[in-house]
Amino acid sequence: MAGPFPTPNIGDGWMPSSGVLAAEDSLGHDVLVDWCLALLTGAAGGADRKTPSLRWIGGPAAGTDCDRHHWARSDLNYWPRVWAARALRYAWDDRAAGPVIAGLDDDAWRVREHCCAVVGLRELADAADRLAELTDPDQEDAPRVRTAAVKALAQVGEFEHGDALQRAMIDPDRKVRDAADAALERLAERIDRPLR
């Protein structure tokens, strides 16, 4: 990845999708995806001055380029990975499949949540078994991750994953239960087989 890179123009109406599309236009698809993968896998960090500005994918929350050292702090260093995973929802390349699936095991729940969403959106069926594990509150304590895993499982799961969705119907968190109810319907429809 070679710079120098253009500086993003972040306006008041910045949205993740528009920021990523602007980054793709300015940086190029391959550079953007390579950078997101480097962030997601830890090959690059938020403080790395040899990479594009985090403002492309993090928007105003990323601060200024002078704030890059901020994202190296151990209590905040997961945010660039979150933004990278989220960016892959809008700028996709098949070579991102492995790193996104690996992101389901990230230490930060926000990264796991976004990777679940990308797995469902991009229909990465190789992640189905891991998603089923992430629906279990004994294995995943963040309700937002369990909810995202349930929703993604509806998109990539098979008949055998219906059991995980059935168990999610009694999750302690209401949002997980509601998502599981909808996911069971969607999965049954997708595989054309009853699950209840």
N, C-alpha and C. Protein backbone atom coordinates (compact mmCIF):
# COMPACT_ATOMS: atom_id res chain seq x y z
N MET A 1 0.86 -1.16 0.00
CA MET A 1 0.00 0.00 0.00
C MET A 1 0.91 1.23 0.00
N ALA A 2 0.81 1.98 -1.03
CA ALA A 2 1.69 3.14 -1.16
C ALA A 2 0.89 4.43 -1.13
N GLY A 3 1.34 5.37 -0.32
CA GLY A 3 0.72 6.70 -0.28
C GLY A 3 1.48 7.62 -1.20
N PRO A 4 1.28 8.88 -1.15
CA PRO A 4 0.32 9.52 -0.24
C PRO A 4 -1.11 9.31 -0.70
N PHE A 5 -2.01 9.35 0.26
CA PHE A 5 -3.43 9.13 -0.03
C PHE A 5 -4.19 10.44 0.07
N PRO A 6 -5.25 10.58 -0.72
CA PRO A 6 -6.05 11.80 -0.62
C PRO A 6 -6.75 11.91 0.74
N THR A 7 -7.02 13.12 1.13
CA THR A 7 -7.71 13.38 2.39
C THR A 7 -9.22 13.39 2.15
N PRO A 8 -9.96 12.69 3.00
CA PRO A 8 -11.42 12.68 2.80
C PRO A 8 -12.04 14.02 3.16
N ASN A 9 -13.10 14.34 2.47
CA ASN A 9 -13.88 15.53 2.78
C ASN A 9 -15.13 15.06 3.50
N ILE A 10 -15.12 15.16 4.82
CA ILE A 10 -16.22 14.64 5.63
C ILE A 10 -17.19 15.78 5.94
N GLY A 11 -18.39 15.68 5.41
CA GLY A 11 -19.42 16.69 5.66
C GLY A 11 -20.35 16.27 6.78
N ASP A 12 -21.30 17.12 7.07
CA ASP A 12 -22.27 16.85 8.14
C ASP A 12 -23.13 15.63 7.86
N GLY A 13 -23.38 15.35 6.60
CA GLY A 13 -24.27 14.24 6.26
C GLY A 13 -23.54 12.93 6.03
N TRP A 14 -22.32 12.78 6.57
CA TRP A 14 -21.54 11.56 6.35
C TRP A 14 -22.31 10.34 6.85
N MET A 15 -22.32 9.31 6.03
CA MET A 15 -22.90 8.02 6.39
C MET A 15 -21.86 6.96 6.04
N PRO A 16 -21.85 5.82 6.74
CA PRO A 16 -20.86 4.79 6.42
C PRO A 16 -20.87 4.40 4.94
N SER A 17 -22.04 4.20 4.37
CA SER A 17 -22.10 3.78 2.96
C SER A 17 -21.52 4.83 2.04
N SER A 18 -21.87 6.09 2.25
CA SER A 18 -21.36 7.15 1.37
C SER A 18 -19.87 7.36 1.58
N GLY A 19 -19.40 7.23 2.81
CA GLY A 19 -17.97 7.35 3.08
C GLY A 19 -17.17 6.27 2.38
N VAL A 20 -17.67 5.06 2.42
CA VAL A 20 -16.96 3.95 1.77
C VAL A 20 -16.99 4.11 0.25
N LEU A 21 -18.12 4.52 -0.29
CA LEU A 21 -18.19 4.72 -1.74
C LEU A 21 -17.27 5.84 -2.18
N ALA A 22 -17.17 6.91 -1.38
CA ALA A 22 -16.24 7.99 -1.70
C ALA A 22 -14.80 7.50 -1.62
N ALA A 23 -14.51 6.68 -0.62
CA ALA A 23 -13.16 6.12 -0.49
C ALA A 23 -12.84 5.24 -1.69
N GLU A 24 -13.81 4.46 -2.12
CA GLU A 24 -13.60 3.58 -3.28
C GLU A 24 -13.31 4.41 -4.53
N ASP A 25 -14.03 5.51 -4.69
CA ASP A 25 -13.80 6.40 -5.83
C ASP A 25 -12.41 7.04 -5.78
N SER A 26 -12.01 7.47 -4.59
CA SER A 26 -10.75 8.20 -4.45
C SER A 26 -9.52 7.31 -4.34
N LEU A 27 -9.65 6.22 -3.62
CA LEU A 27 -8.51 5.34 -3.37
C LEU A 27 -8.41 4.20 -4.38
N GLY A 28 -9.54 3.81 -4.93
CA GLY A 28 -9.61 2.63 -5.79
C GLY A 28 -10.10 1.44 -4.99
N HIS A 29 -10.84 0.58 -5.66
CA HIS A 29 -11.44 -0.58 -4.99
C HIS A 29 -10.39 -1.46 -4.31
N ASP A 30 -9.34 -1.84 -5.04
CA ASP A 30 -8.35 -2.76 -4.48
C ASP A 30 -7.62 -2.16 -3.29
N VAL A 31 -7.26 -0.89 -3.37
CA VAL A 31 -6.56 -0.24 -2.25
C VAL A 31 -7.47 -0.22 -1.02
N LEU A 32 -8.73 0.15 -1.23
CA LEU A 32 -9.67 0.20 -0.11
C LEU A 32 -9.84 -1.17 0.53
N VAL A 33 -10.08 -2.19 -0.28
CA VAL A 33 -10.28 -3.54 0.27
C VAL A 33 -9.01 -4.03 0.95
N ASP A 34 -7.85 -3.84 0.31
CA ASP A 34 -6.59 -4.27 0.93
C ASP A 34 -6.40 -3.61 2.28
N TRP A 35 -6.69 -2.32 2.35
CA TRP A 35 -6.54 -1.58 3.60
C TRP A 35 -7.50 -2.11 4.66
N CYS A 36 -8.76 -2.31 4.29
CA CYS A 36 -9.74 -2.85 5.24
C CYS A 36 -9.32 -4.22 5.75
N LEU A 37 -8.80 -5.06 4.86
CA LEU A 37 -8.35 -6.38 5.28
C LEU A 37 -7.14 -6.28 6.20
N ALA A 38 -6.25 -5.35 5.91
CA ALA A 38 -5.08 -5.16 6.78
C ALA A 38 -5.52 -4.69 8.17
N LEU A 39 -6.50 -3.79 8.22
CA LEU A 39 -7.02 -3.34 9.52
C LEU A 39 -7.72 -4.48 10.25
N LEU A 40 -8.58 -5.19 9.54
CA LEU A 40 -9.37 -6.26 10.16
C LEU A 40 -8.50 -7.36 10.72
N THR A 41 -7.42 -7.71 10.02
CA THR A 41 -6.55 -8.80 10.46
C THR A 41 -5.45 -8.35 11.41
N GLY A 42 -5.33 -7.04 11.61
CA GLY A 42 -4.29 -6.53 12.49
C GLY A 42 -2.96 -6.30 11.79
N ALA A 43 -2.90 -6.51 10.48
CA ALA A 43 -1.66 -6.26 9.74
C ALA A 43 -1.35 -4.76 9.68
N ALA A 44 -2.37 -3.93 9.83
CA ALA A 44 -2.21 -2.48 9.92
C ALA A 44 -3.02 -2.01 11.12
N GLY A 45 -2.59 -0.93 11.70
CA GLY A 45 -3.31 -0.39 12.85
C GLY A 45 -3.83 1.00 12.55
N GLY A 46 -4.66 1.48 13.42
CA GLY A 46 -5.24 2.81 13.23
C GLY A 46 -4.23 3.93 13.30
N ALA A 47 -3.08 3.69 13.94
CA ALA A 47 -2.07 4.73 14.08
C ALA A 47 -1.09 4.75 12.91
N ASP A 48 -1.22 3.82 11.99
CA ASP A 48 -0.28 3.69 10.88
C ASP A 48 -0.44 4.85 9.89
N ARG A 49 0.58 5.68 9.79
CA ARG A 49 0.54 6.85 8.90
C ARG A 49 0.78 6.47 7.44
N LYS A 50 1.11 5.23 7.16
CA LYS A 50 1.35 4.79 5.79
C LYS A 50 0.08 4.24 5.14
N THR A 51 -1.04 4.43 5.81
CA THR A 51 -2.32 3.96 5.30
C THR A 51 -3.25 5.16 5.12
N PRO A 52 -4.37 4.98 4.42
CA PRO A 52 -5.32 6.09 4.26
C PRO A 52 -5.87 6.58 5.60
N SER A 53 -6.49 7.73 5.57
CA SER A 53 -7.10 8.32 6.76
C SER A 53 -8.28 7.45 7.21
N LEU A 54 -8.34 7.21 8.50
CA LEU A 54 -9.46 6.45 9.07
C LEU A 54 -10.79 7.16 8.87
N ARG A 55 -10.73 8.46 8.59
CA ARG A 55 -11.96 9.22 8.38
C ARG A 55 -12.74 8.71 7.17
N TRP A 56 -12.06 8.07 6.21
CA TRP A 56 -12.78 7.51 5.06
C TRP A 56 -13.84 6.53 5.52
N ILE A 57 -13.48 5.65 6.44
CA ILE A 57 -14.40 4.58 6.84
C ILE A 57 -15.00 4.78 8.23
N GLY A 58 -14.40 5.67 9.02
CA GLY A 58 -14.90 5.93 10.36
C GLY A 58 -15.65 7.24 10.49
N GLY A 59 -15.54 8.08 9.47
CA GLY A 59 -16.25 9.36 9.48
C GLY A 59 -15.77 10.28 10.59
N PRO A 60 -16.65 11.16 11.05
CA PRO A 60 -16.26 12.11 12.09
C PRO A 60 -15.77 11.44 13.37
N ALA A 61 -16.27 10.24 13.66
CA ALA A 61 -15.84 9.55 14.88
C ALA A 61 -14.35 9.23 14.87
N ALA A 62 -13.75 9.17 13.69
CA ALA A 62 -12.32 8.86 13.58
C ALA A 62 -11.45 10.05 13.95
N GLY A 63 -12.05 11.23 14.12
CA GLY A 63 -11.27 12.41 14.48
C GLY A 63 -10.46 12.91 13.29
N THR A 64 -9.39 13.59 13.59
CA THR A 64 -8.52 14.11 12.53
C THR A 64 -7.35 13.17 12.36
N ASP A 65 -6.59 13.36 11.29
CA ASP A 65 -5.42 12.52 11.09
C ASP A 65 -4.37 12.73 12.19
N CYS A 66 -4.44 13.87 12.86
CA CYS A 66 -3.54 14.12 13.99
C CYS A 66 -3.90 13.22 15.18
N ASP A 67 -5.12 12.66 15.15
CA ASP A 67 -5.58 11.82 16.26
C ASP A 67 -5.24 10.34 16.07
N ARG A 68 -4.45 10.01 15.05
CA ARG A 68 -4.19 8.60 14.78
C ARG A 68 -3.64 7.85 15.99
N HIS A 69 -2.80 8.50 16.79
CA HIS A 69 -2.23 7.84 17.97
C HIS A 69 -3.32 7.37 18.92
N HIS A 70 -4.45 8.06 18.90
CA HIS A 70 -5.60 7.75 19.76
C HIS A 70 -6.05 6.30 19.54
N TRP A 71 -6.02 5.85 18.28
CA TRP A 71 -6.54 4.52 17.95
C TRP A 71 -5.56 3.41 18.25
N ALA A 72 -4.37 3.76 18.74
CA ALA A 72 -3.41 2.75 19.16
C ALA A 72 -3.61 2.36 20.62
N ARG A 73 -4.39 3.15 21.37
CA ARG A 73 -4.65 2.83 22.78
C ARG A 73 -5.36 1.49 22.88
N SER A 74 -4.95 0.70 23.84
CA SER A 74 -5.50 -0.66 23.94
C SER A 74 -7.00 -0.68 24.18
N ASP A 75 -7.56 0.36 24.79
CA ASP A 75 -8.99 0.37 25.04
C ASP A 75 -9.79 0.87 23.84
N LEU A 76 -9.11 1.34 22.79
CA LEU A 76 -9.79 1.86 21.60
C LEU A 76 -9.33 1.22 20.31
N ASN A 77 -8.32 0.39 20.36
CA ASN A 77 -7.70 -0.10 19.12
C ASN A 77 -8.58 -1.03 18.30
N TYR A 78 -9.73 -1.39 18.81
CA TYR A 78 -10.64 -2.24 18.04
C TYR A 78 -11.48 -1.44 17.05
N TRP A 79 -11.62 -0.12 17.25
CA TRP A 79 -12.48 0.67 16.38
C TRP A 79 -12.08 0.62 14.90
N PRO A 80 -10.80 0.73 14.56
CA PRO A 80 -10.46 0.59 13.13
C PRO A 80 -10.89 -0.76 12.55
N ARG A 81 -10.85 -1.83 13.37
CA ARG A 81 -11.31 -3.14 12.88
C ARG A 81 -12.82 -3.14 12.68
N VAL A 82 -13.55 -2.46 13.57
CA VAL A 82 -15.00 -2.33 13.42
C VAL A 82 -15.32 -1.61 12.11
N TRP A 83 -14.66 -0.49 11.89
CA TRP A 83 -14.92 0.30 10.68
C TRP A 83 -14.54 -0.47 9.42
N ALA A 84 -13.46 -1.23 9.52
CA ALA A 84 -13.04 -2.02 8.35
C ALA A 84 -14.07 -3.09 8.03
N ALA A 85 -14.55 -3.80 9.05
CA ALA A 85 -15.57 -4.82 8.82
C ALA A 85 -16.83 -4.19 8.25
N ARG A 86 -17.24 -3.06 8.81
CA ARG A 86 -18.43 -2.38 8.31
C ARG A 86 -18.23 -1.93 6.87
N ALA A 87 -17.05 -1.44 6.53
CA ALA A 87 -16.77 -0.98 5.16
C ALA A 87 -16.92 -2.11 4.15
N LEU A 88 -16.61 -3.33 4.57
CA LEU A 88 -16.71 -4.48 3.66
C LEU A 88 -18.16 -4.83 3.34
N ARG A 89 -19.10 -4.26 4.04
CA ARG A 89 -20.51 -4.42 3.66
C ARG A 89 -20.78 -3.71 2.33
N TYR A 90 -20.04 -2.63 2.09
CA TYR A 90 -20.29 -1.78 0.93
C TYR A 90 -19.27 -1.96 -0.19
N ALA A 91 -18.06 -2.34 0.15
CA ALA A 91 -17.00 -2.56 -0.84
C ALA A 91 -16.50 -3.99 -0.65
N TRP A 92 -17.06 -4.88 -1.42
CA TRP A 92 -16.78 -6.31 -1.23
C TRP A 92 -15.82 -6.85 -2.27
N ASP A 93 -15.06 -7.82 -1.83
CA ASP A 93 -14.20 -8.61 -2.71
C ASP A 93 -14.16 -10.00 -2.11
N ASP A 94 -14.22 -11.02 -2.93
CA ASP A 94 -14.28 -12.40 -2.41
C ASP A 94 -13.07 -12.76 -1.55
N ARG A 95 -11.96 -12.09 -1.75
CA ARG A 95 -10.79 -12.42 -0.92
C ARG A 95 -10.97 -11.98 0.53
N ALA A 96 -12.04 -11.23 0.81
CA ALA A 96 -12.32 -10.82 2.18
C ALA A 96 -13.03 -11.90 2.98
N ALA A 97 -13.50 -12.96 2.32
CA ALA A 97 -14.29 -13.98 3.02
C ALA A 97 -13.54 -14.58 4.21
N GLY A 98 -12.33 -15.03 4.01
CA GLY A 98 -11.56 -15.64 5.10
C GLY A 98 -11.34 -14.70 6.28
N PRO A 99 -10.84 -13.49 6.03
CA PRO A 99 -10.66 -12.55 7.15
C PRO A 99 -11.96 -12.18 7.86
N VAL A 100 -13.06 -12.06 7.13
CA VAL A 100 -14.33 -11.74 7.77
C VAL A 100 -14.78 -12.91 8.66
N ILE A 101 -14.66 -14.12 8.15
CA ILE A 101 -15.02 -15.29 8.97
C ILE A 101 -14.11 -15.37 10.19
N ALA A 102 -12.82 -15.10 10.03
CA ALA A 102 -11.90 -15.09 11.17
C ALA A 102 -12.29 -14.01 12.17
N GLY A 103 -12.85 -12.90 11.68
CA GLY A 103 -13.29 -11.82 12.55
C GLY A 103 -14.42 -12.21 13.49
N LEU A 104 -15.08 -13.33 13.22
CA LEU A 104 -16.10 -13.82 14.14
C LEU A 104 -15.50 -14.22 15.49
N ASP A 105 -14.18 -14.36 15.54
CA ASP A 105 -13.49 -14.72 16.78
C ASP A 105 -12.70 -13.55 17.36
N ASP A 106 -12.92 -12.35 16.85
CA ASP A 106 -12.20 -11.17 17.35
C ASP A 106 -12.50 -10.97 18.84
N ASP A 107 -11.56 -10.39 19.56
CA ASP A 107 -11.75 -10.12 20.99
C ASP A 107 -12.83 -9.08 21.24
N ALA A 108 -13.04 -8.18 20.28
CA ALA A 108 -14.01 -7.09 20.46
C ALA A 108 -15.38 -7.50 19.93
N TRP A 109 -16.39 -7.36 20.77
CA TRP A 109 -17.72 -7.80 20.36
C TRP A 109 -18.25 -6.99 19.18
N ARG A 110 -17.88 -5.72 19.09
CA ARG A 110 -18.36 -4.92 17.96
C ARG A 110 -17.81 -5.43 16.63
N VAL A 111 -16.60 -5.92 16.64
CA VAL A 111 -16.02 -6.50 15.43
C VAL A 111 -16.78 -7.77 15.08
N ARG A 112 -17.03 -8.62 16.08
CA ARG A 112 -17.77 -9.86 15.83
C ARG A 112 -19.16 -9.56 15.28
N GLU A 113 -19.81 -8.54 15.85
CA GLU A 113 -21.15 -8.16 15.40
C GLU A 113 -21.14 -7.77 13.92
N HIS A 114 -20.21 -6.92 13.52
CA HIS A 114 -20.15 -6.49 12.12
C HIS A 114 -19.75 -7.63 11.19
N CYS A 115 -18.87 -8.50 11.65
CA CYS A 115 -18.49 -9.64 10.82
C CYS A 115 -19.69 -10.57 10.62
N CYS A 116 -20.51 -10.75 11.64
CA CYS A 116 -21.75 -11.54 11.48
C CYS A 116 -22.61 -10.92 10.39
N ALA A 117 -22.77 -9.61 10.43
CA ALA A 117 -23.61 -8.93 9.44
C ALA A 117 -23.06 -9.12 8.03
N VAL A 118 -21.75 -9.03 7.88
CA VAL A 118 -21.14 -9.21 6.56
C VAL A 118 -21.30 -10.66 6.09
N VAL A 119 -21.13 -11.60 7.00
CA VAL A 119 -21.30 -13.02 6.66
C VAL A 119 -22.71 -13.25 6.10
N GLY A 120 -23.71 -12.69 6.74
CA GLY A 120 -25.08 -12.85 6.26
C GLY A 120 -25.31 -12.15 4.93
N LEU A 121 -24.86 -10.92 4.84
CA LEU A 121 -25.04 -10.13 3.63
C LEU A 121 -24.36 -10.77 2.43
N ARG A 122 -23.16 -11.24 2.63
CA ARG A 122 -22.36 -11.81 1.53
C ARG A 122 -22.53 -13.32 1.40
N GLU A 123 -23.42 -13.88 2.22
CA GLU A 123 -23.78 -15.30 2.18
C GLU A 123 -22.56 -16.22 2.23
N LEU A 124 -21.77 -16.04 3.27
CA LEU A 124 -20.56 -16.83 3.47
C LEU A 124 -20.91 -18.09 4.26
N ALA A 125 -21.36 -19.10 3.53
CA ALA A 125 -21.89 -20.32 4.14
C ALA A 125 -20.86 -21.07 4.97
N ASP A 126 -19.57 -20.89 4.70
CA ASP A 126 -18.54 -21.57 5.48
C ASP A 126 -18.56 -21.15 6.95
N ALA A 127 -19.24 -20.06 7.26
CA ALA A 127 -19.27 -19.57 8.64
C ALA A 127 -20.47 -20.09 9.42
N ALA A 128 -21.33 -20.87 8.82
CA ALA A 128 -22.59 -21.26 9.46
C ALA A 128 -22.38 -21.95 10.81
N ASP A 129 -21.46 -22.88 10.91
CA ASP A 129 -21.25 -23.58 12.18
C ASP A 129 -20.78 -22.61 13.27
N ARG A 130 -19.89 -21.69 12.91
CA ARG A 130 -19.42 -20.72 13.89
C ARG A 130 -20.56 -19.79 14.31
N LEU A 131 -21.38 -19.38 13.37
CA LEU A 131 -22.54 -18.55 13.71
C LEU A 131 -23.44 -19.27 14.70
N ALA A 132 -23.68 -20.56 14.48
CA ALA A 132 -24.53 -21.33 15.40
C ALA A 132 -23.96 -21.28 16.81
N GLU A 133 -22.65 -21.37 16.93
CA GLU A 133 -22.01 -21.27 18.26
C GLU A 133 -22.23 -19.89 18.86
N LEU A 134 -22.16 -18.86 18.03
CA LEU A 134 -22.31 -17.49 18.52
C LEU A 134 -23.74 -17.16 18.95
N THR A 135 -24.70 -18.01 18.64
CA THR A 135 -26.08 -17.78 19.11
C THR A 135 -26.27 -18.24 20.55
N ASP A 136 -25.30 -18.94 21.09
CA ASP A 136 -25.39 -19.54 22.42
C ASP A 136 -24.87 -18.57 23.48
N PRO A 137 -25.71 -18.16 24.45
CA PRO A 137 -25.24 -17.22 25.48
C PRO A 137 -24.13 -17.78 26.36
N ASP A 138 -23.95 -19.10 26.37
CA ASP A 138 -22.84 -19.68 27.12
C ASP A 138 -21.51 -19.48 26.39
N GLN A 139 -21.58 -19.23 25.09
CA GLN A 139 -20.35 -19.03 24.31
C GLN A 139 -20.16 -17.58 23.89
N GLU A 140 -21.24 -16.81 23.82
CA GLU A 140 -21.18 -15.40 23.40
C GLU A 140 -22.01 -14.57 24.36
N ASP A 141 -21.34 -13.71 25.14
CA ASP A 141 -22.09 -12.95 26.13
C ASP A 141 -22.65 -11.62 25.64
N ALA A 142 -22.31 -11.18 24.44
CA ALA A 142 -22.85 -9.92 23.92
C ALA A 142 -24.16 -10.18 23.16
N PRO A 143 -25.29 -9.70 23.67
CA PRO A 143 -26.57 -9.93 22.99
C PRO A 143 -26.59 -9.41 21.55
N ARG A 144 -25.89 -8.32 21.28
CA ARG A 144 -25.89 -7.79 19.91
C ARG A 144 -25.17 -8.73 18.96
N VAL A 145 -24.17 -9.43 19.44
CA VAL A 145 -23.49 -10.43 18.60
C VAL A 145 -24.41 -11.61 18.38
N ARG A 146 -25.08 -12.07 19.44
CA ARG A 146 -26.00 -13.19 19.28
C ARG A 146 -27.11 -12.84 18.30
N THR A 147 -27.63 -11.63 18.40
CA THR A 147 -28.67 -11.18 17.47
C THR A 147 -28.15 -11.18 16.04
N ALA A 148 -26.97 -10.63 15.83
CA ALA A 148 -26.39 -10.58 14.48
C ALA A 148 -26.10 -11.98 13.96
N ALA A 149 -25.65 -12.88 14.84
CA ALA A 149 -25.37 -14.26 14.44
C ALA A 149 -26.66 -14.97 14.02
N VAL A 150 -27.72 -14.76 14.77
CA VAL A 150 -29.03 -15.35 14.44
C VAL A 150 -29.49 -14.87 13.07
N LYS A 151 -29.42 -13.57 12.84
CA LYS A 151 -29.85 -13.01 11.55
C LYS A 151 -29.01 -13.55 10.40
N ALA A 152 -27.71 -13.66 10.60
CA ALA A 152 -26.83 -14.18 9.55
C ALA A 152 -27.09 -15.66 9.29
N LEU A 153 -27.38 -16.39 10.36
CA LEU A 153 -27.63 -17.83 10.21
C LEU A 153 -28.86 -18.08 9.35
N ALA A 154 -29.82 -17.17 9.40
CA ALA A 154 -30.99 -17.29 8.53
C ALA A 154 -30.60 -17.23 7.06
N GLN A 155 -29.51 -16.53 6.76
CA GLN A 155 -29.07 -16.36 5.38
C GLN A 155 -28.14 -17.46 4.89
N VAL A 156 -27.40 -18.08 5.81
CA VAL A 156 -26.38 -19.05 5.37
C VAL A 156 -26.54 -20.44 5.97
N GLY A 157 -27.44 -20.58 6.95
CA GLY A 157 -27.58 -21.86 7.63
C GLY A 157 -28.27 -22.92 6.79
N GLU A 158 -28.20 -24.13 7.29
CA GLU A 158 -28.88 -25.28 6.69
C GLU A 158 -29.79 -25.89 7.75
N PHE A 159 -30.46 -26.96 7.40
CA PHE A 159 -31.44 -27.58 8.29
C PHE A 159 -30.86 -27.83 9.68
N GLU A 160 -29.62 -28.33 9.74
CA GLU A 160 -29.02 -28.68 11.03
C GLU A 160 -28.79 -27.45 11.93
N HIS A 161 -28.83 -26.26 11.37
CA HIS A 161 -28.64 -25.05 12.17
C HIS A 161 -29.96 -24.56 12.78
N GLY A 162 -31.04 -25.21 12.41
CA GLY A 162 -32.33 -24.86 12.99
C GLY A 162 -32.36 -25.06 14.49
N ASP A 163 -31.61 -26.05 14.99
CA ASP A 163 -31.57 -26.29 16.44
C ASP A 163 -31.01 -25.08 17.19
N ALA A 164 -29.97 -24.46 16.63
CA ALA A 164 -29.39 -23.27 17.27
C ALA A 164 -30.40 -22.14 17.30
N LEU A 165 -31.16 -22.00 16.24
CA LEU A 165 -32.18 -20.96 16.21
C LEU A 165 -33.31 -21.26 17.18
N GLN A 166 -33.66 -22.54 17.31
CA GLN A 166 -34.70 -22.93 18.28
C GLN A 166 -34.24 -22.59 19.70
N ARG A 167 -32.97 -22.88 20.01
CA ARG A 167 -32.45 -22.55 21.34
C ARG A 167 -32.43 -21.04 21.56
N ALA A 168 -32.15 -20.29 20.50
CA ALA A 168 -32.12 -18.83 20.61
C ALA A 168 -33.51 -18.26 20.91
N MET A 169 -34.55 -19.05 20.66
CA MET A 169 -35.91 -18.60 20.96
C MET A 169 -36.15 -18.45 22.47
N ILE A 170 -35.26 -19.02 23.29
CA ILE A 170 -35.39 -18.88 24.75
C ILE A 170 -34.21 -18.09 25.33
N ASP A 171 -33.53 -17.34 24.49
CA ASP A 171 -32.41 -16.51 24.93
C ASP A 171 -32.90 -15.53 26.00
N PRO A 172 -32.04 -15.17 26.95
CA PRO A 172 -32.44 -14.21 27.98
C PRO A 172 -32.73 -12.80 27.43
N ASP A 173 -32.23 -12.49 26.26
CA ASP A 173 -32.43 -11.16 25.68
C ASP A 173 -33.59 -11.17 24.68
N ARG A 174 -34.51 -10.24 24.83
CA ARG A 174 -35.70 -10.18 23.97
C ARG A 174 -35.36 -9.98 22.49
N LYS A 175 -34.36 -9.15 22.20
CA LYS A 175 -34.01 -8.89 20.80
C LYS A 175 -33.48 -10.14 20.12
N VAL A 176 -32.74 -10.95 20.87
CA VAL A 176 -32.25 -12.22 20.31
C VAL A 176 -33.43 -13.13 20.03
N ARG A 177 -34.36 -13.22 20.96
CA ARG A 177 -35.54 -14.08 20.78
C ARG A 177 -36.35 -13.64 19.56
N ASP A 178 -36.57 -12.34 19.43
CA ASP A 178 -37.33 -11.83 18.28
C ASP A 178 -36.60 -12.12 16.97
N ALA A 179 -35.29 -11.93 16.98
CA ALA A 179 -34.50 -12.21 15.77
C ALA A 179 -34.55 -13.69 15.43
N ALA A 180 -34.52 -14.54 16.46
CA ALA A 180 -34.56 -15.99 16.24
C ALA A 180 -35.89 -16.42 15.63
N ASP A 181 -36.97 -15.81 16.08
CA ASP A 181 -38.29 -16.13 15.54
C ASP A 181 -38.33 -15.81 14.04
N ALA A 182 -37.86 -14.63 13.68
CA ALA A 182 -37.83 -14.24 12.26
C ALA A 182 -36.84 -15.10 11.47
N ALA A 183 -35.72 -15.43 12.09
CA ALA A 183 -34.69 -16.23 11.41
C ALA A 183 -35.18 -17.64 11.11
N LEU A 184 -35.93 -18.23 12.04
CA LEU A 184 -36.48 -19.57 11.80
C LEU A 184 -37.41 -19.56 10.58
N GLU A 185 -38.23 -18.52 10.49
CA GLU A 185 -39.12 -18.40 9.33
C GLU A 185 -38.31 -18.27 8.04
N ARG A 186 -37.31 -17.40 8.08
CA ARG A 186 -36.50 -17.14 6.88
C ARG A 186 -35.73 -18.38 6.46
N LEU A 187 -35.11 -19.07 7.42
CA LEU A 187 -34.34 -20.26 7.09
C LEU A 187 -35.25 -21.35 6.54
N ALA A 188 -36.41 -21.56 7.14
CA ALA A 188 -37.36 -22.57 6.66
C ALA A 188 -37.79 -22.26 5.23
N GLU A 189 -38.03 -21.00 4.97
CA GLU A 189 -38.41 -20.58 3.62
C GLU A 189 -37.26 -20.80 2.63
N ARG A 190 -36.05 -20.45 3.08
CA ARG A 190 -34.89 -20.56 2.21
C ARG A 190 -34.59 -22.01 1.83
N ILE A 191 -34.67 -22.91 2.81
CA ILE A 191 -34.32 -24.31 2.53
C ILE A 191 -35.56 -25.13 2.15
N ASP A 192 -36.72 -24.47 2.16
CA ASP A 192 -37.99 -25.10 1.78
C ASP A 192 -38.25 -26.35 2.59
N ARG A 193 -38.14 -26.17 3.92
CA ARG A 193 -38.33 -27.30 4.84
C ARG A 193 -38.79 -26.75 6.19
N PRO A 194 -39.80 -27.33 6.80
CA PRO A 194 -40.27 -26.81 8.09
C PRO A 194 -39.22 -27.02 9.20
N LEU A 195 -39.14 -26.04 10.11
CA LEU A 195 -38.17 -26.11 11.21
C LEU A 195 -38.85 -26.06 12.57
N ARG A 196 -40.18 -25.92 12.60
CA ARG A 196 -40.88 -25.85 13.89
C ARG A 196 -41.78 -27.05 14.04
